[in-house]
N, C-alpha and C. Protein backbone atom coordinates (compact mmCIF):
# COMPACT_ATOMS: atom_id res chain seq x y z
N MET A 1 0.83 -1.18 0.00
CA MET A 1 0.00 0.00 0.00
C MET A 1 0.87 1.25 0.00
N ALA A 2 0.28 2.32 -0.46
CA ALA A 2 0.97 3.61 -0.50
C ALA A 2 0.01 4.68 -0.01
N LEU A 3 0.56 5.71 0.58
CA LEU A 3 -0.23 6.85 1.03
C LEU A 3 0.07 8.05 0.15
N LYS A 4 -0.97 8.72 -0.27
CA LYS A 4 -0.82 9.95 -1.04
C LYS A 4 -1.43 11.07 -0.21
N VAL A 5 -0.61 12.04 0.16
CA VAL A 5 -1.06 13.14 1.00
C VAL A 5 -1.29 14.37 0.13
N ILE A 6 -2.47 14.95 0.25
CA ILE A 6 -2.83 16.13 -0.54
C ILE A 6 -3.23 17.24 0.42
N GLN A 7 -2.53 18.35 0.35
CA GLN A 7 -2.83 19.49 1.21
C GLN A 7 -4.11 20.17 0.73
N LYS A 8 -5.03 20.43 1.63
CA LYS A 8 -6.29 21.07 1.25
C LYS A 8 -6.07 22.49 0.71
N GLN A 9 -5.06 23.17 1.22
CA GLN A 9 -4.76 24.53 0.74
C GLN A 9 -4.42 24.50 -0.75
N VAL A 10 -3.67 23.50 -1.16
CA VAL A 10 -3.30 23.37 -2.58
C VAL A 10 -4.55 23.10 -3.42
N LEU A 11 -5.45 22.27 -2.91
CA LEU A 11 -6.70 22.01 -3.62
C LEU A 11 -7.50 23.29 -3.81
N LYS A 12 -7.57 24.09 -2.75
CA LYS A 12 -8.31 25.35 -2.84
C LYS A 12 -7.67 26.31 -3.82
N GLU A 13 -6.34 26.42 -3.78
CA GLU A 13 -5.62 27.34 -4.67
C GLU A 13 -5.80 26.97 -6.13
N THR A 14 -5.87 25.68 -6.42
CA THR A 14 -5.96 25.24 -7.81
C THR A 14 -7.40 24.97 -8.25
N GLY A 15 -8.33 25.06 -7.32
CA GLY A 15 -9.73 24.80 -7.66
C GLY A 15 -10.01 23.34 -7.96
N ALA A 16 -9.25 22.44 -7.37
CA ALA A 16 -9.35 21.02 -7.69
C ALA A 16 -10.14 20.22 -6.65
N GLU A 17 -10.86 20.90 -5.78
CA GLU A 17 -11.59 20.19 -4.72
C GLU A 17 -12.65 19.24 -5.29
N LYS A 18 -13.45 19.74 -6.23
CA LYS A 18 -14.49 18.91 -6.81
C LYS A 18 -13.90 17.78 -7.65
N ALA A 19 -12.81 18.06 -8.34
CA ALA A 19 -12.16 17.04 -9.16
C ALA A 19 -11.64 15.89 -8.29
N LEU A 20 -11.07 16.22 -7.14
CA LEU A 20 -10.57 15.17 -6.24
C LEU A 20 -11.73 14.36 -5.69
N ALA A 21 -12.81 15.02 -5.29
CA ALA A 21 -13.98 14.30 -4.79
C ALA A 21 -14.52 13.34 -5.85
N GLN A 22 -14.56 13.79 -7.09
CA GLN A 22 -15.03 12.94 -8.19
C GLN A 22 -14.06 11.79 -8.42
N GLU A 23 -12.76 12.05 -8.35
CA GLU A 23 -11.75 11.00 -8.53
C GLU A 23 -11.90 9.93 -7.46
N ILE A 24 -12.09 10.35 -6.22
CA ILE A 24 -12.26 9.41 -5.12
C ILE A 24 -13.50 8.55 -5.35
N LYS A 25 -14.59 9.18 -5.76
CA LYS A 25 -15.83 8.45 -6.00
C LYS A 25 -15.67 7.41 -7.10
N ILE A 26 -15.07 7.82 -8.21
CA ILE A 26 -14.88 6.91 -9.34
C ILE A 26 -13.91 5.80 -9.00
N GLN A 27 -12.77 6.15 -8.43
CA GLN A 27 -11.74 5.16 -8.16
C GLN A 27 -12.16 4.16 -7.09
N SER A 28 -13.09 4.53 -6.24
CA SER A 28 -13.59 3.62 -5.22
C SER A 28 -14.31 2.42 -5.84
N PHE A 29 -14.91 2.63 -7.01
CA PHE A 29 -15.70 1.58 -7.65
C PHE A 29 -14.96 0.85 -8.77
N CYS A 30 -13.81 1.36 -9.17
CA CYS A 30 -13.06 0.73 -10.26
C CYS A 30 -12.39 -0.56 -9.80
N ASP A 31 -12.49 -1.57 -10.63
CA ASP A 31 -11.81 -2.84 -10.36
C ASP A 31 -11.22 -3.33 -11.67
N HIS A 32 -10.01 -2.85 -11.95
CA HIS A 32 -9.34 -3.17 -13.21
C HIS A 32 -7.85 -3.30 -12.93
N PRO A 33 -7.18 -4.25 -13.55
CA PRO A 33 -5.74 -4.45 -13.27
C PRO A 33 -4.86 -3.26 -13.64
N ASN A 34 -5.32 -2.38 -14.52
CA ASN A 34 -4.52 -1.23 -14.92
C ASN A 34 -4.84 0.05 -14.15
N ILE A 35 -5.71 -0.05 -13.16
CA ILE A 35 -6.08 1.10 -12.33
C ILE A 35 -5.77 0.78 -10.89
N LEU A 36 -5.02 1.68 -10.24
CA LEU A 36 -4.68 1.46 -8.83
C LEU A 36 -5.95 1.42 -7.99
N LYS A 37 -5.97 0.50 -7.04
CA LYS A 37 -7.10 0.41 -6.13
C LYS A 37 -7.00 1.50 -5.07
N LEU A 38 -8.12 2.10 -4.79
CA LEU A 38 -8.22 3.06 -3.70
C LEU A 38 -8.88 2.32 -2.54
N TYR A 39 -8.10 2.05 -1.48
CA TYR A 39 -8.61 1.29 -0.35
C TYR A 39 -9.42 2.15 0.61
N GLY A 40 -9.13 3.43 0.65
CA GLY A 40 -9.85 4.32 1.54
C GLY A 40 -9.15 5.67 1.61
N TYR A 41 -9.68 6.54 2.45
CA TYR A 41 -9.06 7.86 2.59
C TYR A 41 -9.43 8.44 3.95
N PHE A 42 -8.60 9.39 4.39
CA PHE A 42 -8.83 10.14 5.62
C PHE A 42 -8.99 11.60 5.25
N ASP A 43 -9.97 12.23 5.80
CA ASP A 43 -10.21 13.65 5.57
C ASP A 43 -9.88 14.38 6.87
N GLU A 44 -8.68 14.93 6.93
CA GLU A 44 -8.23 15.64 8.12
C GLU A 44 -8.42 17.15 7.92
N GLU A 45 -8.12 17.92 8.96
CA GLU A 45 -8.36 19.36 8.91
C GLU A 45 -7.57 20.05 7.80
N GLU A 46 -6.30 19.70 7.64
CA GLU A 46 -5.45 20.40 6.67
C GLU A 46 -5.07 19.57 5.46
N LYS A 47 -5.39 18.27 5.47
CA LYS A 47 -4.98 17.42 4.36
C LYS A 47 -5.94 16.25 4.16
N ILE A 48 -5.86 15.67 2.99
CA ILE A 48 -6.59 14.45 2.66
C ILE A 48 -5.54 13.39 2.36
N ILE A 49 -5.71 12.23 2.94
CA ILE A 49 -4.76 11.14 2.76
C ILE A 49 -5.47 9.99 2.04
N LEU A 50 -4.95 9.62 0.87
CA LEU A 50 -5.51 8.51 0.10
C LEU A 50 -4.69 7.25 0.38
N ILE A 51 -5.36 6.14 0.58
CA ILE A 51 -4.70 4.85 0.78
C ILE A 51 -4.85 4.09 -0.54
N LEU A 52 -3.73 3.94 -1.24
CA LEU A 52 -3.74 3.38 -2.60
C LEU A 52 -2.93 2.10 -2.69
N GLU A 53 -3.23 1.34 -3.71
CA GLU A 53 -2.40 0.19 -4.06
C GLU A 53 -1.02 0.73 -4.48
N TYR A 54 0.04 0.03 -4.11
CA TYR A 54 1.39 0.47 -4.45
C TYR A 54 1.67 0.18 -5.93
N ALA A 55 2.17 1.16 -6.65
CA ALA A 55 2.52 1.01 -8.07
C ALA A 55 3.97 0.56 -8.15
N THR A 56 4.18 -0.73 -8.34
CA THR A 56 5.54 -1.29 -8.32
C THR A 56 6.42 -0.77 -9.44
N HIS A 57 5.83 -0.39 -10.56
CA HIS A 57 6.62 0.09 -11.70
C HIS A 57 6.63 1.61 -11.81
N GLY A 58 6.13 2.30 -10.84
CA GLY A 58 6.13 3.76 -10.88
C GLY A 58 4.99 4.31 -11.73
N GLN A 59 5.21 5.49 -12.25
CA GLN A 59 4.17 6.17 -13.01
C GLN A 59 4.05 5.60 -14.42
N LEU A 60 2.84 5.58 -14.92
CA LEU A 60 2.58 5.08 -16.27
C LEU A 60 3.37 5.87 -17.31
N PHE A 61 3.49 7.17 -17.13
CA PHE A 61 4.23 8.00 -18.08
C PHE A 61 5.66 7.50 -18.25
N ASN A 62 6.32 7.16 -17.15
CA ASN A 62 7.70 6.68 -17.21
C ASN A 62 7.79 5.35 -17.95
N GLU A 63 6.82 4.47 -17.74
CA GLU A 63 6.78 3.19 -18.46
C GLU A 63 6.63 3.41 -19.96
N LEU A 64 5.71 4.28 -20.33
CA LEU A 64 5.48 4.56 -21.76
C LEU A 64 6.71 5.21 -22.39
N LYS A 65 7.33 6.13 -21.68
CA LYS A 65 8.52 6.79 -22.19
C LYS A 65 9.63 5.77 -22.44
N GLN A 66 9.81 4.84 -21.52
CA GLN A 66 10.84 3.81 -21.67
C GLN A 66 10.55 2.92 -22.87
N GLN A 67 9.29 2.57 -23.08
CA GLN A 67 8.93 1.74 -24.23
C GLN A 67 9.20 2.47 -25.54
N VAL A 68 8.93 3.77 -25.58
CA VAL A 68 9.21 4.56 -26.80
C VAL A 68 10.70 4.59 -27.07
N ILE A 69 11.49 4.79 -26.03
CA ILE A 69 12.95 4.83 -26.18
C ILE A 69 13.47 3.50 -26.71
N GLU A 70 12.96 2.40 -26.13
CA GLU A 70 13.40 1.07 -26.58
C GLU A 70 12.98 0.79 -28.03
N THR A 71 11.82 1.26 -28.42
CA THR A 71 11.32 1.05 -29.77
C THR A 71 12.14 1.83 -30.80
N CYS A 72 12.57 3.03 -30.42
CA CYS A 72 13.32 3.89 -31.34
C CYS A 72 14.77 3.46 -31.50
N ASN A 73 15.28 2.70 -30.59
CA ASN A 73 16.70 2.26 -30.68
C ASN A 73 16.88 1.02 -31.47
């Protein structure tokens, strides 16, 4: 498992509060091998903590970038 900590102040500054709420709602119901599982979350006074499945290979962008590099060589 992995924890993702999101400061509420940052959400307010960027206007992403509703987007995060929607992401939590959607990801709670997703069950697909290519989508990280969201096990739960904590809503604290200054931050929101997401409990996620650990991504053993890192970010998808890095995987795709590596595949492009290997293909071009």
